[in-house]
Amino acid sequence: MNFKRCILLKYGEIVLKGQNKGYFEDRLRASVSSRLRRALGPDGYELYSMQSTVYIMPRDDTMTDAAMEEMRTVFGLGGLCVAWRCEKDIEEIKTVLHEKIAPEISGYRTFKCDAKRSDKKFPLTSPEIMRISGDALLETPGFRPAVDVIDPEITVMIEIRDKHAFVHAGREKGAGGMPRGSSGKAILLLSGGIDSPVAGYMAARRGAEIEALHFESYPYTSERAKEKVFELSKLLCRYTDRMRVFTINLTPIQLAIKEHCDEEYFTLILRRFMMRLASRLSKERECGALITGESLGQVASQTMKALAVTDAIPASEGIPVLRPCIGMDKDDIITIARHIGTFDTSILPYEDCCTVFTPRHPKTNPSLECLIAQEEKLDISALCEEAYKGIETRLITY
C-alpha cells in the first residue's frame, strides 16, 4: 500500500468565531499559502480546509519536513502534526500502525491510542478504534512501549474524517494567536533594544500586520546601529513574512531640544516628537494603531504620568497606542526575545537615539501643562516637517 504523508493544521481561536469565521479562515489560508509557496513553490502542494483543519499534501514527500517547519510560525494555529493518510478502512489503518507509527514511537516507554470519528457512518465506534489500534501496535514485532492511558509519553491519534483516515503521533502546539492581518495594520516603533521587537511579535501574534518606524540620530548613532534594526526586522519576518521599515533622523530635533528646553524634560519632549511623526506615518499608511515596547515603571519615561503626556499626541489624532509588554517584567520580555530569536541581536552594543543627550535627572512625574510650556520654545511644525521629509523606506522579507 502507498500511504502518503501530509500535514494537518488545527485552528486555534478561530473556532470560537461566529458569523465572521470565514473572514479569519480566509486570512489563515492566505498566510499558509504564502509560506508554502516560499517553501515548496507555487505548484508543490495541494491544500484544502474542512472541519476546522487545513490539510496540506506536499507533492514531493521529501519536502514535508520543510513545509512543517514553515507552519510552526504561522499565527492562528492551535496545533499541527505530520500524519499518514489512508483509506477509511480499519485494515489499512492497522497497516499504517504496523509499518509507520510503530517505528516512529519505538523510543518511547509508554503510549496510548485516541480516536476522533468525524464521519459518523464509519462502522466502528471511537473506543473500538482505540482498542483495535492499540492491539495492532502491541502485536507489531519488536514493539516495546507499554500502554498507559493515564499519563502516556506519547499519544497515537486516529482521525476518521470525511475523505480519508489520518494516523499520527506527537501533535505539536501551534504558534497560536490570530491570522496575520486579521486585526488590521499598525506601526511598530522599533528601536534596537530588547522590548520593541517583543512588542511587535506579540501584536503580530494577535493578528496585526506590522510596519515599523525606526528613529536614528545620525551621526551620533552609526550605520551599524541602523543595520541592527534591519536585522531585527528580518528576524520578526519569520512570523510576519514581510515588513516595511521606515527610518527618520531625529538629530535636528534633539539639537533644538538641547538648545532651548530644560534638561529634565529632554526625553519626554523627544518622545512626544516621536509620537507626532509616528502618528503622521500611521495615517498616511492607513494604520489603526501604534505599537511600543514600554513596560510600566521600567525607566523614567515609562511611569504612568510620562506615558500619559506622550500618549496625548496620538490620542489627539484618534490613534491608540498598543503596549503588549506593559505588564511584563524584564525577565518575561527576555524569555520571549530568546524564544523568537531576537535577543542575541538586541544586545549588540550599538548606539540608540534615546541614549543621545540623555538628561541626568529625567522628569518622572510630569504635567502636560509643563510639557506644553517647554514645547512652546520650539517650532514644532517646522522641526517635524524637516524630519519627515528625510524619511527612508526599506522592505524586509524573510
Protein backbone atom coordinates (compact mmCIF):
# COMPACT_ATOMS: atom_id res chain seq x y z
CA MET A 1 0.00 0.00 0.00
CA ASN A 2 1.19 3.51 -0.83
CA PHE A 3 0.47 5.67 2.18
CA LYS A 4 1.14 9.40 1.92
CA ARG A 5 2.38 11.84 4.48
CA CYS A 6 0.50 15.10 4.89
CA ILE A 7 0.34 17.99 7.35
CA LEU A 8 -2.74 18.73 9.45
CA LEU A 9 -3.14 22.27 10.78
CA LYS A 10 -5.70 22.66 13.55
CA TYR A 11 -7.46 26.00 14.04
CA GLY A 12 -6.75 27.99 17.20
CA GLU A 13 -9.11 30.72 18.39
CA ILE A 14 -10.78 30.83 15.02
CA VAL A 15 -13.04 28.00 16.13
CA LEU A 16 -14.65 30.43 18.60
CA LYS A 17 -15.68 32.87 15.87
CA GLY A 18 -19.29 33.17 14.83
CA GLN A 19 -20.69 34.52 11.60
CA ASN A 20 -17.38 36.17 10.65
CA LYS A 21 -15.41 32.92 10.94
CA GLY A 22 -14.99 32.79 7.16
CA TYR A 23 -13.01 36.03 7.19
CA PHE A 24 -10.46 34.59 9.63
CA GLU A 25 -10.29 31.28 7.74
CA ASP A 26 -9.50 33.16 4.53
CA ARG A 27 -6.74 35.07 6.30
CA LEU A 28 -5.28 31.86 7.69
CA ARG A 29 -5.35 30.12 4.32
CA ALA A 30 -3.65 33.13 2.71
CA SER A 31 -0.92 33.05 5.33
CA VAL A 32 -0.42 29.29 4.97
CA SER A 33 -0.36 29.51 1.17
CA SER A 34 2.22 32.28 1.29
CA ARG A 35 4.54 30.14 3.39
CA LEU A 36 4.03 27.05 1.22
CA ARG A 37 4.80 28.93 -1.98
CA ARG A 38 8.03 30.06 -0.39
CA ALA A 39 8.97 26.57 0.82
CA LEU A 40 7.63 24.33 -1.94
CA GLY A 41 6.99 26.58 -4.93
CA PRO A 42 3.57 27.52 -6.35
CA ASP A 43 2.82 24.01 -7.67
CA GLY A 44 4.48 21.99 -4.92
CA TYR A 45 1.44 21.19 -2.80
CA GLU A 46 -2.30 20.61 -2.55
CA LEU A 47 -4.27 22.43 0.13
CA TYR A 48 -7.84 22.41 1.34
CA SER A 49 -9.65 23.09 4.60
CA MET A 50 -12.53 21.27 6.25
CA GLN A 51 -13.85 20.74 9.78
CA SER A 52 -11.60 23.39 11.39
CA THR A 53 -8.49 21.80 9.87
CA VAL A 54 -6.21 22.79 6.98
CA TYR A 55 -4.85 19.82 5.04
CA ILE A 56 -1.54 20.11 3.18
CA MET A 57 -0.29 17.43 0.78
CA PRO A 58 3.24 18.17 -0.48
CA ARG A 59 3.69 16.70 -3.98
CA ASP A 60 7.26 15.74 -3.08
CA ASP A 61 7.32 13.86 0.23
CA THR A 62 10.95 14.87 0.83
CA MET A 63 9.68 18.46 1.27
CA THR A 64 7.19 17.59 4.02
CA ASP A 65 9.58 18.41 6.86
CA ALA A 66 10.47 21.77 5.27
CA ALA A 67 6.78 22.62 4.95
CA MET A 68 6.19 21.58 8.55
CA GLU A 69 8.98 23.89 9.71
CA GLU A 70 7.32 26.83 7.92
CA MET A 71 3.98 26.09 9.56
CA ARG A 72 5.43 26.29 13.08
CA THR A 73 5.47 30.10 12.91
CA VAL A 74 2.06 30.66 11.30
CA PHE A 75 -0.25 32.55 13.65
CA GLY A 76 -3.81 31.30 14.06
CA LEU A 77 -2.94 27.63 14.56
CA GLY A 78 -3.70 25.76 17.76
CA GLY A 79 -1.88 22.59 16.77
CA LEU A 80 -0.15 20.85 13.89
CA CYS A 81 1.25 17.45 13.01
CA VAL A 82 2.56 15.27 10.23
CA ALA A 83 0.06 12.47 9.60
CA TRP A 84 -0.21 9.37 7.44
CA ARG A 85 -3.23 9.46 5.16
CA CYS A 86 -5.01 6.25 4.20
CA GLU A 87 -8.44 4.95 3.22
CA LYS A 88 -11.16 4.74 5.85
CA ASP A 89 -10.64 1.03 6.33
CA ILE A 90 -9.59 -0.48 9.66
CA GLU A 91 -7.24 -2.97 7.96
CA GLU A 92 -5.42 -0.11 6.18
CA ILE A 93 -5.25 1.79 9.46
CA LYS A 94 -3.70 -1.24 11.18
CA THR A 95 -1.14 -1.49 8.38
CA VAL A 96 -0.18 2.17 8.89
CA LEU A 97 0.20 1.49 12.60
CA HIS A 98 2.42 -1.54 11.96
CA GLU A 99 4.59 -0.06 9.20
CA LYS A 100 4.77 3.66 10.02
CA ILE A 101 3.71 4.54 13.55
CA ALA A 102 5.34 1.64 15.43
CA PRO A 103 8.88 2.60 14.22
CA GLU A 104 8.16 6.29 14.93
CA ILE A 105 7.30 5.76 18.62
CA SER A 106 9.54 2.82 19.43
CA GLY A 107 11.82 5.02 21.55
CA TYR A 108 9.05 5.93 24.00
CA ARG A 109 8.32 3.94 27.16
CA THR A 110 4.52 4.36 27.20
CA PHE A 111 1.74 5.21 24.76
CA LYS A 112 -1.99 5.26 24.32
CA CYS A 113 -4.30 5.42 21.31
CA ASP A 114 -7.03 8.01 20.90
CA ALA A 115 -9.62 8.31 18.17
CA LYS A 116 -11.79 11.02 16.64
CA ARG A 117 -14.62 9.84 14.39
CA SER A 118 -15.95 12.86 12.47
CA ASP A 119 -17.53 10.53 9.90
CA LYS A 120 -20.37 9.02 11.94
CA LYS A 121 -21.02 6.47 9.20
CA PHE A 122 -17.75 4.70 9.95
CA PRO A 123 -18.77 1.24 11.24
CA LEU A 124 -16.61 1.29 14.41
CA THR A 125 -17.04 3.49 17.47
CA SER A 126 -14.17 5.58 18.82
CA PRO A 127 -13.50 3.19 21.76
CA GLU A 128 -13.44 0.26 19.31
CA ILE A 129 -10.97 2.09 17.05
CA MET A 130 -8.74 2.86 20.05
CA ARG A 131 -8.76 -0.75 21.26
CA ILE A 132 -8.07 -2.27 17.82
CA SER A 133 -5.32 0.27 17.15
CA GLY A 134 -3.62 -0.36 20.50
CA ASP A 135 -3.71 -4.10 19.91
CA ALA A 136 -2.25 -3.61 16.43
CA LEU A 137 0.73 -1.73 17.81
CA LEU A 138 1.32 -4.23 20.61
CA GLU A 139 1.27 -7.06 18.05
CA THR A 140 3.98 -5.38 15.93
CA PRO A 141 7.18 -7.48 16.18
CA GLY A 142 9.81 -5.72 18.30
CA PHE A 143 7.40 -3.04 19.60
CA ARG A 144 8.34 -2.25 23.22
CA PRO A 145 6.31 0.73 24.59
CA ALA A 146 3.69 -0.22 27.18
CA VAL A 147 0.14 1.07 27.35
CA ASP A 148 -0.53 3.91 29.79
CA VAL A 149 -3.92 5.52 29.29
CA ILE A 150 -3.47 7.96 32.24
CA ASP A 151 -0.11 9.63 31.58
CA PRO A 152 1.43 8.30 28.34
CA GLU A 153 4.67 9.68 26.95
CA ILE A 154 3.06 9.85 23.51
CA THR A 155 -0.46 9.60 22.12
CA VAL A 156 -1.28 7.97 18.80
CA MET A 157 -4.27 9.61 17.17
CA ILE A 158 -6.58 8.01 14.63
CA GLU A 159 -8.90 10.50 12.92
CA ILE A 160 -11.73 9.31 10.70
CA ARG A 161 -12.52 12.33 8.55
CA ASP A 162 -14.91 12.90 5.64
CA LYS A 163 -12.50 11.91 2.84
CA HIS A 164 -9.75 9.85 4.48
CA ALA A 165 -8.40 8.46 7.72
CA PHE A 166 -5.35 10.11 9.27
CA VAL A 167 -2.97 8.48 11.73
CA HIS A 168 -0.33 10.45 13.62
CA ALA A 169 1.69 10.61 16.83
CA GLY A 170 3.15 13.62 18.60
CA ARG A 171 0.94 16.57 17.79
CA GLU A 172 2.72 19.92 18.37
CA LYS A 173 1.30 23.10 19.79
CA GLY A 174 0.83 25.78 17.12
CA ALA A 175 2.03 29.39 17.19
CA GLY A 176 -1.41 30.44 18.48
CA GLY A 177 -2.92 33.88 18.15
CA MET A 178 -4.87 35.17 15.16
CA PRO A 179 -4.04 35.00 11.45
CA ARG A 180 -1.71 37.64 10.02
CA GLY A 181 -3.52 40.88 9.18
CA SER A 182 -6.86 39.79 10.62
CA SER A 183 -6.74 42.56 13.26
CA GLY A 184 -5.66 45.37 10.91
CA LYS A 185 -2.35 47.16 10.36
CA ALA A 186 -0.22 49.06 12.90
CA ILE A 187 3.05 50.99 13.14
CA LEU A 188 5.66 49.44 15.46
CA LEU A 189 8.13 51.92 16.97
CA LEU A 190 11.18 49.70 16.61
CA SER A 191 14.41 50.50 18.43
CA GLY A 192 17.44 48.27 18.57
CA GLY A 193 16.65 47.09 22.10
CA ILE A 194 15.03 44.01 23.58
CA ASP A 195 11.49 45.24 24.24
CA SER A 196 10.14 46.65 20.98
CA PRO A 197 10.80 43.51 18.85
CA VAL A 198 8.93 41.51 21.50
CA ALA A 199 6.06 44.02 21.40
CA GLY A 200 5.95 43.66 17.60
CA TYR A 201 5.90 39.88 17.82
CA MET A 202 3.08 39.91 20.38
CA ALA A 203 0.95 42.34 18.38
CA ALA A 204 1.56 40.32 15.21
CA ARG A 205 0.52 37.20 17.10
CA ARG A 206 -2.81 38.90 17.77
CA GLY A 207 -3.33 39.41 14.05
CA ALA A 208 -1.76 42.85 13.50
CA GLU A 209 0.06 43.39 10.23
CA ILE A 210 3.21 45.26 11.20
CA GLU A 211 5.04 48.16 9.60
CA ALA A 212 7.99 49.53 11.57
CA LEU A 213 9.31 53.02 12.25
CA HIS A 214 12.87 53.41 13.50
CA PHE A 215 14.33 56.67 14.79
CA GLU A 216 18.05 57.27 14.39
CA SER A 217 20.33 60.11 15.48
CA TYR A 218 22.95 60.07 12.78
CA PRO A 219 25.87 60.86 13.11
CA TYR A 220 25.53 60.24 16.87
CA THR A 221 24.20 56.79 16.03
CA SER A 222 26.06 54.66 13.50
CA GLU A 223 25.15 52.82 10.32
CA ARG A 224 25.76 49.57 12.24
CA ALA A 225 23.02 50.56 14.69
CA LYS A 226 20.57 51.01 11.82
CA GLU A 227 21.59 47.71 10.22
CA LYS A 228 20.96 46.04 13.56
CA VAL A 229 17.35 47.23 13.40
CA PHE A 230 17.01 45.82 9.87
CA GLU A 231 18.35 42.51 11.16
CA LEU A 232 15.77 42.52 13.98
CA SER A 233 13.08 43.23 11.40
CA LYS A 234 14.25 40.27 9.35
CA LEU A 235 14.03 38.03 12.42
CA LEU A 236 10.47 39.22 13.04
CA CYS A 237 9.64 38.47 9.41
CA ARG A 238 9.90 34.79 10.30
CA TYR A 239 6.45 35.41 11.79
CA THR A 240 5.19 38.35 9.71
CA ASP A 241 6.58 37.26 6.29
CA ARG A 242 7.46 40.83 5.35
CA MET A 243 7.80 44.24 6.94
CA ARG A 244 8.26 47.73 5.59
CA VAL A 245 10.71 49.64 7.78
CA PHE A 246 10.75 53.45 7.81
CA THR A 247 13.67 55.42 9.26
CA ILE A 248 13.61 59.06 10.42
CA ASN A 249 16.65 61.03 11.61
CA LEU A 250 15.89 62.90 14.85
CA THR A 251 19.22 64.72 15.24
CA PRO A 252 18.00 68.25 14.31
CA ILE A 253 15.06 67.85 16.71
CA GLN A 254 17.33 66.65 19.52
CA LEU A 255 19.75 69.53 18.99
CA ALA A 256 16.86 72.03 19.13
CA ILE A 257 15.54 70.46 22.35
CA LYS A 258 19.01 70.56 23.89
CA GLU A 259 19.43 74.22 22.98
CA HIS A 260 16.03 75.56 24.09
CA CYS A 261 14.44 73.28 26.70
CA ASP A 262 15.12 72.34 30.31
CA GLU A 263 17.27 69.22 30.56
CA GLU A 264 14.92 67.22 32.79
CA TYR A 265 12.28 67.29 30.01
CA PHE A 266 14.57 66.22 27.12
CA THR A 267 13.39 62.60 26.93
CA LEU A 268 9.68 63.35 27.26
CA ILE A 269 9.76 66.13 24.66
CA LEU A 270 11.66 63.83 22.30
CA ARG A 271 9.15 61.03 22.79
CA ARG A 272 6.29 63.41 22.02
CA PHE A 273 8.07 64.29 18.76
CA MET A 274 8.35 60.57 18.02
CA MET A 275 4.61 60.22 18.57
CA ARG A 276 3.88 63.12 16.25
CA LEU A 277 5.96 61.60 13.46
CA ALA A 278 4.61 58.10 14.09
CA SER A 279 1.03 59.36 14.08
CA ARG A 280 1.57 61.09 10.75
CA LEU A 281 3.06 57.95 9.25
CA SER A 282 0.24 55.85 10.71
CA LYS A 283 -2.37 57.99 8.99
CA GLU A 284 -0.51 58.01 5.67
CA ARG A 285 -0.08 54.22 5.76
CA GLU A 286 -3.72 53.73 6.83
CA CYS A 287 -2.71 52.01 10.07
CA GLY A 288 -5.06 51.75 13.02
CA ALA A 289 -2.62 51.95 15.94
CA LEU A 290 0.91 52.50 17.20
CA ILE A 291 2.79 49.70 18.98
CA THR A 292 5.51 50.39 21.53
CA GLY A 293 7.61 48.23 23.84
CA GLU A 294 7.16 50.11 27.12
CA SER A 295 6.89 48.22 30.41
CA LEU A 296 5.33 50.13 33.28
CA GLY A 297 7.95 51.63 35.57
CA GLN A 298 10.94 50.18 33.70
CA VAL A 299 12.59 53.59 33.07
CA ALA A 300 11.78 57.23 33.82
CA SER A 301 9.78 57.74 30.62
CA GLN A 302 7.57 54.74 31.41
CA THR A 303 5.77 55.97 34.53
CA MET A 304 2.01 56.42 34.28
CA LYS A 305 2.26 60.20 34.06
CA ALA A 306 5.07 60.03 31.50
CA LEU A 307 3.04 57.68 29.34
CA ALA A 308 0.03 59.97 29.67
CA VAL A 309 1.87 63.00 28.30
CA THR A 310 3.34 61.04 25.38
CA ASP A 311 0.01 59.37 24.60
CA ALA A 312 -1.70 62.77 24.44
CA ILE A 313 -0.23 63.25 20.95
CA PRO A 314 -1.63 60.16 19.18
CA ALA A 315 -4.81 60.39 21.27
CA SER A 316 -5.47 63.83 19.77
CA GLU A 317 -5.38 62.13 16.34
CA GLY A 318 -7.65 59.30 17.45
CA ILE A 319 -4.79 56.76 17.25
CA PRO A 320 -4.50 54.21 20.09
CA VAL A 321 -1.12 53.08 21.45
CA LEU A 322 -0.82 49.32 21.98
CA ARG A 323 1.72 48.21 24.60
CA PRO A 324 1.88 44.41 24.72
CA CYS A 325 4.77 44.46 27.24
CA ILE A 326 3.23 46.93 29.70
CA GLY A 327 2.58 44.38 32.46
CA MET A 328 5.72 42.28 31.97
CA ASP A 329 8.99 42.45 33.87
CA LYS A 330 12.35 42.26 32.11
CA ASP A 331 12.74 38.52 32.64
CA ASP A 332 9.37 37.91 30.95
CA ILE A 333 10.40 40.02 27.97
CA ILE A 334 13.82 38.39 27.68
CA THR A 335 12.23 34.93 27.73
CA ILE A 336 10.08 35.84 24.73
CA ALA A 337 13.01 37.57 22.98
CA ARG A 338 15.01 34.35 23.26
CA HIS A 339 12.02 32.32 22.04
CA ILE A 340 11.61 34.41 18.88
CA GLY A 341 15.35 34.68 18.27
CA THR A 342 15.82 38.44 18.63
CA PHE A 343 17.66 38.56 21.96
CA ASP A 344 21.22 37.99 20.72
CA THR A 345 20.84 40.75 18.13
CA SER A 346 19.12 43.15 20.53
CA ILE A 347 22.01 43.08 22.99
CA LEU A 348 24.65 44.03 20.40
CA PRO A 349 26.24 47.17 21.89
CA TYR A 350 25.36 49.78 19.27
CA GLU A 351 24.03 53.28 19.90
CA ASP A 352 20.36 54.19 20.29
CA CYS A 353 18.77 57.59 19.65
CA CYS A 354 17.16 57.56 23.11
CA THR A 355 20.59 57.46 24.75
CA VAL A 356 21.80 60.59 22.94
CA PHE A 357 21.53 63.75 25.10
CA THR A 358 20.02 61.74 27.97
CA PRO A 359 19.16 64.01 30.94
CA ARG A 360 20.99 63.37 34.21
CA HIS A 361 17.73 63.61 36.21
CA PRO A 362 14.76 62.92 33.89
CA LYS A 363 11.30 64.05 34.91
CA THR A 364 9.22 61.10 36.12
CA ASN A 365 6.14 62.96 37.31
CA PRO A 366 5.46 65.46 34.51
CA SER A 367 2.37 67.54 33.89
CA LEU A 368 1.05 68.14 30.41
CA GLU A 369 0.98 71.89 31.05
CA CYS A 370 4.72 71.94 31.83
CA LEU A 371 5.49 69.88 28.69
CA ILE A 372 3.48 72.25 26.53
CA ALA A 373 5.26 75.24 28.08
CA GLN A 374 8.61 73.68 27.20
CA GLU A 375 7.50 72.88 23.66
CA GLU A 376 6.39 76.48 23.06
CA LYS A 377 10.11 77.29 22.91
CA LEU A 378 10.34 75.20 19.72
CA ASP A 379 8.99 75.47 16.18
CA ILE A 380 7.33 72.06 16.35
CA SER A 381 5.74 72.11 12.90
CA ALA A 382 8.94 73.07 11.12
CA LEU A 383 11.03 70.52 13.00
CA CYS A 384 8.54 67.71 12.27
CA GLU A 385 8.25 68.70 8.62
CA GLU A 386 12.02 68.75 8.16
CA ALA A 387 12.45 65.37 9.85
CA TYR A 388 9.60 63.75 7.91
CA LYS A 389 11.00 64.98 4.58
CA GLY A 390 14.03 62.77 5.10
CA ILE A 391 12.12 59.55 5.80
CA GLU A 392 13.68 56.44 4.28
CA THR A 393 11.97 53.14 3.47
CA ARG A 394 13.19 49.57 3.14
CA LEU A 395 11.12 46.44 2.54
CA ILE A 396 12.33 43.49 4.62
CA THR A 397 11.34 39.92 3.78
CA TYR A 398 12.09 36.60 5.43
